[in-house]
Amino acid sequence: MTPYDIIVKPIRSEKSYAGIANKRYSFKVLPSATKTQVKAAIEKIFGVKVAKVNTLNVRGKIKRMGKTSGKTSAYKKAIVTLTADSKAIEFFESLA
């Protein structure tokens, strides 16, 4: 399994943008990924040093449109904190 399989995509939300100043980045990851796998993948893809990884399982929300209702898909989220001496991730520099 490659690092690109573990990291699905970055999460772009108002709450995740607030953490960029403190070198905290949010990613959607593979549901079976562990914290050590996420740490190794981020370090390999972006060339940074990771201090801490927090993971959480996000449940799907029930959505309605008129009489019909459905559910959004559940996913696993990883919040990655970089070390103080690590460089910032360039992908998020234009977003902050």
PDB file of N, CA and C in Angstrom:
ATOM      1  N   MET A   1       0.844  -1.178   0.000  1.00  0.00           N
ATOM      2  CA  MET A   1       0.000   0.000   0.000  1.00  0.00           C
ATOM      3  C   MET A   1       0.889   1.241   0.000  1.00  0.00           C
ATOM      4  N   THR A   2       0.611   2.146  -0.910  1.00  0.00           N
ATOM      5  CA  THR A   2       1.414   3.355  -1.035  1.00  0.00           C
ATOM      6  C   THR A   2       0.856   4.458  -0.128  1.00  0.00           C
ATOM      7  N   PRO A   3       1.663   5.481   0.152  1.00  0.00           N
ATOM      8  CA  PRO A   3       1.158   6.605   0.959  1.00  0.00           C
ATOM      9  C   PRO A   3      -0.023   7.315   0.309  1.00  0.00           C
ATOM     10  N   TYR A   4      -0.087   7.280  -1.010  1.00  0.00           N
ATOM     11  CA  TYR A   4      -1.186   7.936  -1.715  1.00  0.00           C
ATOM     12  C   TYR A   4      -2.494   7.166  -1.574  1.00  0.00           C
ATOM     13  N   ASP A   5      -2.423   5.887  -1.223  1.00  0.00           N
ATOM     14  CA  ASP A   5      -3.629   5.120  -0.941  1.00  0.00           C
ATOM     15  C   ASP A   5      -4.173   5.446   0.446  1.00  0.00           C
ATOM     16  N   ILE A   6      -3.293   5.761   1.390  1.00  0.00           N
ATOM     17  CA  ILE A   6      -3.699   6.033   2.772  1.00  0.00           C
ATOM     18  C   ILE A   6      -4.357   7.407   2.896  1.00  0.00           C
ATOM     19  N   ILE A   7      -3.765   8.423   2.284  1.00  0.00           N
ATOM     20  CA  ILE A   7      -4.308   9.776   2.335  1.00  0.00           C
ATOM     21  C   ILE A   7      -5.269   9.937   1.160  1.00  0.00           C
ATOM     22  N   VAL A   8      -6.567  10.085   1.459  1.00  0.00           N
ATOM     23  CA  VAL A   8      -7.573  10.181   0.404  1.00  0.00           C
ATOM     24  C   VAL A   8      -7.611  11.596  -0.160  1.00  0.00           C
ATOM     25  N   LYS A   9      -7.811  12.598   0.713  1.00  0.00           N
ATOM     26  CA  LYS A   9      -7.831  13.987   0.268  1.00  0.00           C
ATOM     27  C   LYS A   9      -7.750  14.915   1.470  1.00  0.00           C
ATOM     28  N   PRO A  10      -7.339  16.166   1.270  1.00  0.00           N
ATOM     29  CA  PRO A  10      -7.354  17.130   2.372  1.00  0.00           C
ATOM     30  C   PRO A  10      -8.775  17.603   2.637  1.00  0.00           C
ATOM     31  N   ILE A  11      -9.037  17.939   3.881  1.00  0.00           N
ATOM     32  CA  ILE A  11     -10.356  18.454   4.252  1.00  0.00           C
ATOM     33  C   ILE A  11     -10.280  19.972   4.255  1.00  0.00           C
ATOM     34  N   ARG A  12     -11.149  20.587   3.461  1.00  0.00           N
ATOM     35  CA  ARG A  12     -11.172  22.037   3.348  1.00  0.00           C
ATOM     36  C   ARG A  12     -12.441  22.559   3.993  1.00  0.00           C
ATOM     37  N   SER A  13     -12.313  23.028   5.215  1.00  0.00           N
ATOM     38  CA  SER A  13     -13.453  23.598   5.928  1.00  0.00           C
ATOM     39  C   SER A  13     -12.953  24.798   6.734  1.00  0.00           C
ATOM     40  N   GLU A  14     -13.884  25.541   7.261  1.00  0.00           N
ATOM     41  CA  GLU A  14     -13.513  26.730   8.034  1.00  0.00           C
ATOM     42  C   GLU A  14     -12.719  26.348   9.279  1.00  0.00           C
ATOM     43  N   LYS A  15     -13.105  25.256   9.919  1.00  0.00           N
ATOM     44  CA  LYS A  15     -12.408  24.815  11.113  1.00  0.00           C
ATOM     45  C   LYS A  15     -11.001  24.323  10.785  1.00  0.00           C
ATOM     46  N   SER A  16     -10.836  23.653   9.668  1.00  0.00           N
ATOM     47  CA  SER A  16      -9.501  23.168   9.311  1.00  0.00           C
ATOM     48  C   SER A  16      -8.593  24.316   8.876  1.00  0.00           C
ATOM     49  N   TYR A  17      -9.143  25.350   8.256  1.00  0.00           N
ATOM     50  CA  TYR A  17      -8.330  26.509   7.880  1.00  0.00           C
ATOM     51  C   TYR A  17      -7.809  27.258   9.101  1.00  0.00           C
ATOM     52  N   ALA A  18      -8.545  27.234  10.204  1.00  0.00           N
ATOM     53  CA  ALA A  18      -8.118  27.918  11.421  1.00  0.00           C
ATOM     54  C   ALA A  18      -6.872  27.269  12.020  1.00  0.00           C
ATOM     55  N   GLY A  19      -6.662  25.982  11.779  1.00  0.00           N
ATOM     56  CA  GLY A  19      -5.514  25.290  12.327  1.00  0.00           C
ATOM     57  C   GLY A  19      -4.241  25.435  11.525  1.00  0.00           C
ATOM     58  N   ILE A  20      -4.319  25.979  10.324  1.00  0.00           N
ATOM     59  CA  ILE A  20      -3.135  26.087   9.471  1.00  0.00           C
ATOM     60  C   ILE A  20      -2.067  26.976  10.106  1.00  0.00           C
ATOM     61  N   ALA A  21      -2.470  28.016  10.814  1.00  0.00           N
ATOM     62  CA  ALA A  21      -1.501  28.912  11.467  1.00  0.00           C
ATOM     63  C   ALA A  21      -0.702  28.173  12.537  1.00  0.00           C
ATOM     64  N   ASN A  22      -1.280  27.157  13.164  1.00  0.00           N
ATOM     65  CA  ASN A  22      -0.598  26.373  14.196  1.00  0.00           C
ATOM     66  C   ASN A  22       0.006  25.081  13.646  1.00  0.00           C
ATOM     67  N   LYS A  23       0.092  24.976  12.310  1.00  0.00           N
ATOM     68  CA  LYS A  23       0.629  23.791  11.631  1.00  0.00           C
ATOM     69  C   LYS A  23      -0.188  22.538  11.936  1.00  0.00           C
ATOM     70  N   ARG A  24      -1.513  22.692  11.931  1.00  0.00           N
ATOM     71  CA  ARG A  24      -2.431  21.559  12.094  1.00  0.00           C
ATOM     72  C   ARG A  24      -3.224  21.432  10.802  1.00  0.00           C
ATOM     73  N   TYR A  25      -3.181  20.247  10.205  1.00  0.00           N
ATOM     74  CA  TYR A  25      -3.822  20.005   8.923  1.00  0.00           C
ATOM     75  C   TYR A  25      -4.763  18.822   9.045  1.00  0.00           C
ATOM     76  N   SER A  26      -5.884  18.872   8.335  1.00  0.00           N
ATOM     77  CA  SER A  26      -6.890  17.810   8.385  1.00  0.00           C
ATOM     78  C   SER A  26      -6.936  17.075   7.052  1.00  0.00           C
ATOM     79  N   PHE A  27      -7.014  15.748   7.140  1.00  0.00           N
ATOM     80  CA  PHE A  27      -7.061  14.910   5.948  1.00  0.00           C
ATOM     81  C   PHE A  27      -8.124  13.838   6.114  1.00  0.00           C
ATOM     82  N   LYS A  28      -8.741  13.462   5.001  1.00  0.00           N
ATOM     83  CA  LYS A  28      -9.606  12.293   4.964  1.00  0.00           C
ATOM     84  C   LYS A  28      -8.694  11.116   4.634  1.00  0.00           C
ATOM     85  N   VAL A  29      -8.749  10.062   5.457  1.00  0.00           N
ATOM     86  CA  VAL A  29      -7.831   8.938   5.288  1.00  0.00           C
ATOM     87  C   VAL A  29      -8.600   7.636   5.104  1.00  0.00           C
ATOM     88  N   LEU A  30      -7.884   6.604   4.740  1.00  0.00           N
ATOM     89  CA  LEU A  30      -8.443   5.277   4.575  1.00  0.00           C
ATOM     90  C   LEU A  30      -9.013   4.807   5.913  1.00  0.00           C
ATOM     91  N   PRO A  31     -10.213   4.236   5.949  1.00  0.00           N
ATOM     92  CA  PRO A  31     -10.811   3.838   7.227  1.00  0.00           C
ATOM     93  C   PRO A  31      -9.991   2.816   8.021  1.00  0.00           C
ATOM     94  N   SER A  32      -9.188   2.026   7.353  1.00  0.00           N
ATOM     95  CA  SER A  32      -8.380   1.026   8.060  1.00  0.00           C
ATOM     96  C   SER A  32      -6.984   1.528   8.419  1.00  0.00           C
ATOM     97  N   ALA A  33      -6.677   2.789   8.130  1.00  0.00           N
ATOM     98  CA  ALA A  33      -5.340   3.335   8.378  1.00  0.00           C
ATOM     99  C   ALA A  33      -5.116   3.590   9.865  1.00  0.00           C
ATOM    100  N   THR A  34      -3.898   3.292  10.323  1.00  0.00           N
ATOM    101  CA  THR A  34      -3.524   3.563  11.708  1.00  0.00           C
ATOM    102  C   THR A  34      -2.795   4.901  11.790  1.00  0.00           C
ATOM    103  N   LYS A  35      -2.565   5.368  13.012  1.00  0.00           N
ATOM    104  CA  LYS A  35      -1.879   6.646  13.201  1.00  0.00           C
ATOM    105  C   LYS A  35      -0.448   6.598  12.668  1.00  0.00           C
ATOM    106  N   THR A  36       0.242   5.480  12.867  1.00  0.00           N
ATOM    107  CA  THR A  36       1.618   5.369  12.379  1.00  0.00           C
ATOM    108  C   THR A  36       1.666   5.345  10.855  1.00  0.00           C
ATOM    109  N   GLN A  37       0.683   4.726  10.226  1.00  0.00           N
ATOM    110  CA  GLN A  37       0.629   4.731   8.766  1.00  0.00           C
ATOM    111  C   GLN A  37       0.350   6.132   8.230  1.00  0.00           C
ATOM    112  N   VAL A  38      -0.531   6.859   8.901  1.00  0.00           N
ATOM    113  CA  VAL A  38      -0.844   8.228   8.487  1.00  0.00           C
ATOM    114  C   VAL A  38       0.386   9.115   8.650  1.00  0.00           C
ATOM    115  N   LYS A  39       1.091   8.978   9.754  1.00  0.00           N
ATOM    116  CA  LYS A  39       2.294   9.768   9.998  1.00  0.00           C
ATOM    117  C   LYS A  39       3.346   9.506   8.932  1.00  0.00           C
ATOM    118  N   ALA A  40       3.594   8.245   8.612  1.00  0.00           N
ATOM    119  CA  ALA A  40       4.592   7.896   7.598  1.00  0.00           C
ATOM    120  C   ALA A  40       4.179   8.412   6.220  1.00  0.00           C
ATOM    121  N   ALA A  41       2.890   8.350   5.909  1.00  0.00           N
ATOM    122  CA  ALA A  41       2.406   8.804   4.604  1.00  0.00           C
ATOM    123  C   ALA A  41       2.558  10.313   4.454  1.00  0.00           C
ATOM    124  N   ILE A  42       2.205  11.065   5.475  1.00  0.00           N
ATOM    125  CA  ILE A  42       2.320  12.532   5.416  1.00  0.00           C
ATOM    126  C   ILE A  42       3.784  12.934   5.293  1.00  0.00           C
ATOM    127  N   GLU A  43       4.663  12.297   6.069  1.00  0.00           N
ATOM    128  CA  GLU A  43       6.083  12.626   6.002  1.00  0.00           C
ATOM    129  C   GLU A  43       6.667  12.314   4.630  1.00  0.00           C
ATOM    130  N   LYS A  44       6.233  11.225   4.015  1.00  0.00           N
ATOM    131  CA  LYS A  44       6.764  10.841   2.707  1.00  0.00           C
ATOM    132  C   LYS A  44       6.206  11.716   1.587  1.00  0.00           C
ATOM    133  N   ILE A  45       4.915  12.001   1.619  1.00  0.00           N
ATOM    134  CA  ILE A  45       4.296  12.777   0.534  1.00  0.00           C
ATOM    135  C   ILE A  45       4.757  14.234   0.550  1.00  0.00           C
ATOM    136  N   PHE A  46       4.723  14.881   1.715  1.00  0.00           N
ATOM    137  CA  PHE A  46       4.984  16.315   1.798  1.00  0.00           C
ATOM    138  C   PHE A  46       6.389  16.659   2.267  1.00  0.00           C
ATOM    139  N   GLY A  47       7.165  15.695   2.753  1.00  0.00           N
ATOM    140  CA  GLY A  47       8.531  15.972   3.199  1.00  0.00           C
ATOM    141  C   GLY A  47       8.596  16.832   4.443  1.00  0.00           C
ATOM    142  N   VAL A  48       7.740  16.570   5.423  1.00  0.00           N
ATOM    143  CA  VAL A  48       7.689  17.333   6.670  1.00  0.00           C
ATOM    144  C   VAL A  48       7.884  16.385   7.846  1.00  0.00           C
ATOM    145  N   LYS A  49       8.042  16.949   9.055  1.00  0.00           N
ATOM    146  CA  LYS A  49       8.134  16.153  10.281  1.00  0.00           C
ATOM    147  C   LYS A  49       6.826  16.263  11.045  1.00  0.00           C
ATOM    148  N   VAL A  50       6.238  15.129  11.377  1.00  0.00           N
ATOM    149  CA  VAL A  50       4.953  15.097  12.072  1.00  0.00           C
ATOM    150  C   VAL A  50       5.200  14.896  13.563  1.00  0.00           C
ATOM    151  N   ALA A  51       4.593  15.740  14.393  1.00  0.00           N
ATOM    152  CA  ALA A  51       4.713  15.624  15.838  1.00  0.00           C
ATOM    153  C   ALA A  51       3.619  14.739  16.417  1.00  0.00           C
ATOM    154  N   LYS A  52       2.386  14.897  15.917  1.00  0.00           N
ATOM    155  CA  LYS A  52       1.253  14.205  16.517  1.00  0.00           C
ATOM    156  C   LYS A  52       0.176  13.966  15.465  1.00  0.00           C
ATOM    157  N   VAL A  53      -0.526  12.826  15.605  1.00  0.00           N
ATOM    158  CA  VAL A  53      -1.643  12.501  14.728  1.00  0.00           C
ATOM    159  C   VAL A  53      -2.836  12.136  15.599  1.00  0.00           C
ATOM    160  N   ASN A  54      -3.959  12.802  15.381  1.00  0.00           N
ATOM    161  CA  ASN A  54      -5.221  12.468  16.036  1.00  0.00           C
ATOM    162  C   ASN A  54      -6.174  11.967  14.961  1.00  0.00           C
ATOM    163  N   THR A  55      -6.847  10.856  15.231  1.00  0.00           N
ATOM    164  CA  THR A  55      -7.803  10.313  14.273  1.00  0.00           C
ATOM    165  C   THR A  55      -9.177  10.236  14.902  1.00  0.00           C
ATOM    166  N   LEU A  56     -10.198  10.334  14.058  1.00  0.00           N
ATOM    167  CA  LEU A  56     -11.563  10.181  14.523  1.00  0.00           C
ATOM    168  C   LEU A  56     -12.414   9.655  13.381  1.00  0.00           C
ATOM    169  N   ASN A  57     -13.435   8.886  13.739  1.00  0.00           N
ATOM    170  CA  ASN A  57     -14.383   8.366  12.773  1.00  0.00           C
ATOM    171  C   ASN A  57     -15.587   9.292  12.726  1.00  0.00           C
ATOM    172  N   VAL A  58     -15.859   9.811  11.540  1.00  0.00           N
ATOM    173  CA  VAL A  58     -16.969  10.740  11.352  1.00  0.00           C
ATOM    174  C   VAL A  58     -18.154   9.941  10.829  1.00  0.00           C
ATOM    175  N   ARG A  59     -19.271   9.979  11.554  1.00  0.00           N
ATOM    176  CA  ARG A  59     -20.474   9.267  11.133  1.00  0.00           C
ATOM    177  C   ARG A  59     -21.180  10.037  10.031  1.00  0.00           C
ATOM    178  N   GLY A  60     -21.882   9.318   9.187  1.00  0.00           N
ATOM    179  CA  GLY A  60     -22.651   9.953   8.124  1.00  0.00           C
ATOM    180  C   GLY A  60     -23.871  10.664   8.681  1.00  0.00           C
ATOM    181  N   LYS A  61     -24.252  11.760   8.064  1.00  0.00           N
ATOM    182  CA  LYS A  61     -25.409  12.528   8.506  1.00  0.00           C
ATOM    183  C   LYS A  61     -26.619  12.185   7.652  1.00  0.00           C
ATOM    184  N   ILE A  62     -27.786  12.261   8.250  1.00  0.00           N
ATOM    185  CA  ILE A  62     -29.029  12.028   7.517  1.00  0.00           C
ATOM    186  C   ILE A  62     -29.419  13.329   6.825  1.00  0.00           C
ATOM    187  N   LYS A  63     -29.640  13.238   5.519  1.00  0.00           N
ATOM    188  CA  LYS A  63     -30.021  14.402   4.719  1.00  0.00           C
ATOM    189  C   LYS A  63     -31.385  14.129   4.102  1.00  0.00           C
ATOM    190  N   ARG A  64     -32.192  15.187   3.966  1.00  0.00           N
ATOM    191  CA  ARG A  64     -33.520  15.046   3.371  1.00  0.00           C
ATOM    192  C   ARG A  64     -33.686  16.042   2.250  1.00  0.00           C
ATOM    193  N   MET A  65     -34.409  15.609   1.229  1.00  0.00           N
ATOM    194  CA  MET A  65     -34.859  16.506   0.159  1.00  0.00           C
ATOM    195  C   MET A  65     -36.321  16.174  -0.091  1.00  0.00           C
ATOM    196  N   GLY A  66     -37.191  16.944   0.502  1.00  0.00           N
ATOM    197  CA  GLY A  66     -38.609  16.663   0.391  1.00  0.00           C
ATOM    198  C   GLY A  66     -38.978  15.429   1.194  1.00  0.00           C
ATOM    199  N   LYS A  67     -39.634  14.475   0.551  1.00  0.00           N
ATOM    200  CA  LYS A  67     -40.026  13.255   1.248  1.00  0.00           C
ATOM    201  C   LYS A  67     -38.912  12.225   1.294  1.00  0.00           C
ATOM    202  N   THR A  68     -37.999  12.292   0.347  1.00  0.00           N
ATOM    203  CA  THR A  68     -36.932  11.298   0.298  1.00  0.00           C
ATOM    204  C   THR A  68     -35.808  11.679   1.256  1.00  0.00           C
ATOM    205  N   SER A  69     -35.221  10.685   1.867  1.00  0.00           N
ATOM    206  CA  SER A  69     -34.100  10.944   2.761  1.00  0.00           C
ATOM    207  C   SER A  69     -32.969   9.983   2.427  1.00  0.00           C
ATOM    208  N   GLY A  70     -31.778  10.385   2.750  1.00  0.00           N
ATOM    209  CA  GLY A  70     -30.601   9.572   2.497  1.00  0.00           C
ATOM    210  C   GLY A  70     -29.574   9.841   3.567  1.00  0.00           C
ATOM    211  N   LYS A  71     -28.413   9.282   3.398  1.00  0.00           N
ATOM    212  CA  LYS A  71     -27.366   9.430   4.390  1.00  0.00           C
ATOM    213  C   LYS A  71     -26.036   9.673   3.687  1.00  0.00           C
ATOM    214  N   THR A  72     -25.265  10.631   4.189  1.00  0.00           N
ATOM    215  CA  THR A  72     -23.935  10.849   3.645  1.00  0.00           C
ATOM    216  C   THR A  72     -23.017   9.742   4.142  1.00  0.00           C
ATOM    217  N   SER A  73     -21.954   9.506   3.439  1.00  0.00           N
ATOM    218  CA  SER A  73     -21.073   8.402   3.796  1.00  0.00           C
ATOM    219  C   SER A  73     -20.205   8.756   5.007  1.00  0.00           C
ATOM    220  N   ALA A  74     -19.884   7.749   5.790  1.00  0.00           N
ATOM    221  CA  ALA A  74     -18.997   7.912   6.932  1.00  0.00           C
ATOM    222  C   ALA A  74     -17.557   7.834   6.444  1.00  0.00           C
ATOM    223  N   TYR A  75     -16.631   8.477   7.177  1.00  0.00           N
ATOM    224  CA  TYR A  75     -15.237   8.451   6.793  1.00  0.00           C
ATOM    225  C   TYR A  75     -14.356   8.617   8.028  1.00  0.00           C
ATOM    226  N   LYS A  76     -13.054   8.420   7.841  1.00  0.00           N
ATOM    227  CA  LYS A  76     -12.092   8.591   8.924  1.00  0.00           C
ATOM    228  C   LYS A  76     -11.299   9.863   8.658  1.00  0.00           C
ATOM    229  N   LYS A  77     -11.137  10.660   9.696  1.00  0.00           N
ATOM    230  CA  LYS A  77     -10.470  11.951   9.595  1.00  0.00           C
ATOM    231  C   LYS A  77      -9.204  11.917  10.439  1.00  0.00           C
ATOM    232  N   ALA A  78      -8.123  12.475   9.912  1.00  0.00           N
ATOM    233  CA  ALA A  78      -6.867  12.571  10.651  1.00  0.00           C
ATOM    234  C   ALA A  78      -6.462  14.027  10.749  1.00  0.00           C
ATOM    235  N   ILE A  79      -6.169  14.466  11.972  1.00  0.00           N
ATOM    236  CA  ILE A  79      -5.675  15.821  12.207  1.00  0.00           C
ATOM    237  C   ILE A  79      -4.190  15.690  12.540  1.00  0.00           C
ATOM    238  N   VAL A  80      -3.356  16.250  11.675  1.00  0.00           N
ATOM    239  CA  VAL A  80      -1.910  16.088  11.765  1.00  0.00           C
ATOM    240  C   VAL A  80      -1.298  17.389  12.259  1.00  0.00           C
ATOM    241  N   THR A  81      -0.483  17.300  13.315  1.00  0.00           N
ATOM    242  CA  THR A  81       0.239  18.447  13.845  1.00  0.00           C
ATOM    243  C   THR A  81       1.711  18.279  13.514  1.00  0.00           C
ATOM    244  N   LEU A  82       2.310  19.313  12.912  1.00  0.00           N
ATOM    245  CA  LEU A  82       3.719  19.254  12.552  1.00  0.00           C
ATOM    246  C   LEU A  82       4.579  19.789  13.686  1.00  0.00           C
ATOM    247  N   THR A  83       5.868  19.430  13.655  1.00  0.00           N
ATOM    248  CA  THR A  83       6.797  19.940  14.665  1.00  0.00           C
ATOM    249  C   THR A  83       7.052  21.422  14.428  1.00  0.00           C
ATOM    250  N   ALA A  84       7.583  22.104  15.436  1.00  0.00           N
ATOM    251  CA  ALA A  84       7.815  23.543  15.350  1.00  0.00           C
ATOM    252  C   ALA A  84       8.874  23.883  14.305  1.00  0.00           C
ATOM    253  N   ASP A  85       9.889  23.026  14.165  1.00  0.00           N
ATOM    254  CA  ASP A  85      10.966  23.312  13.212  1.00  0.00           C
ATOM    255  C   ASP A  85      10.668  22.790  11.802  1.00  0.00           C
ATOM    256  N   SER A  86       9.545  22.142  11.603  1.00  0.00           N
ATOM    257  CA  SER A  86       9.180  21.605  10.296  1.00  0.00           C
ATOM    258  C   SER A  86       8.654  22.719   9.403  1.00  0.00           C
ATOM    259  N   LYS A  87       8.857  22.557   8.106  1.00  0.00           N
ATOM    260  CA  LYS A  87       8.314  23.533   7.165  1.00  0.00           C
ATOM    261  C   LYS A  87       6.812  23.299   7.000  1.00  0.00           C
ATOM    262  N   ALA A  88       6.107  24.309   6.523  1.00  0.00           N
ATOM    263  CA  ALA A  88       4.661  24.194   6.309  1.00  0.00           C
ATOM    264  C   ALA A  88       4.401  23.418   5.022  1.00  0.00           C
ATOM    265  N   ILE A  89       3.210  22.869   4.887  1.00  0.00           N
ATOM    266  CA  ILE A  89       2.828  22.145   3.682  1.00  0.00           C
ATOM    267  C   ILE A  89       2.429  23.182   2.622  1.00  0.00           C
ATOM    268  N   GLU A  90       3.082  23.127   1.473  1.00  0.00           N
ATOM    269  CA  GLU A  90       2.893  24.154   0.437  1.00  0.00           C
ATOM    270  C   GLU A  90       1.476  24.159  -0.130  1.00  0.00           C
ATOM    271  N   PHE A  91       0.833  22.994  -0.148  1.00  0.00           N
ATOM    272  CA  PHE A  91      -0.512  22.900  -0.706  1.00  0.00           C
ATOM    273  C   PHE A  91      -1.475  23.817   0.039  1.00  0.00           C
ATOM    274  N   PHE A  92      -1.316  23.963   1.345  1.00  0.00           N
ATOM    275  CA  PHE A  92      -2.225  24.762   2.143  1.00  0.00           C
ATOM    276  C   PHE A  92      -1.817  26.223   2.232  1.00  0.00           C
ATOM    277  N   GLU A  93      -0.645  26.582   1.748  1.00  0.00           N
ATOM    278  CA  GLU A  93      -0.160  27.976   1.865  1.00  0.00           C
ATOM    279  C   GLU A  93      -1.051  28.949   1.103  1.00  0.00           C
ATOM    280  N   SER A  94      -1.539  28.555  -0.060  1.00  0.00           N
ATOM    281  CA  SER A  94      -2.373  29.453  -0.847  1.00  0.00           C
ATOM    282  C   SER A  94      -3.785  29.576  -0.272  1.00  0.00           C
ATOM    283  N   LEU A  95      -4.175  28.634   0.589  1.00  0.00           N
ATOM    284  CA  LEU A  95      -5.520  28.636   1.137  1.00  0.00           C
ATOM    285  C   LEU A  95      -5.650  29.498   2.386  1.00  0.00           C
ATOM    286  N   ALA A  96      -4.568  29.675   3.134  1.00  0.00           N
ATOM    287  CA  ALA A  96      -4.626  30.398   4.403  1.00  0.00           C
ATOM    288  C   ALA A  96      -4.697  31.890   4.236  1.00  0.00           C
TER     289      ALA A  96
END
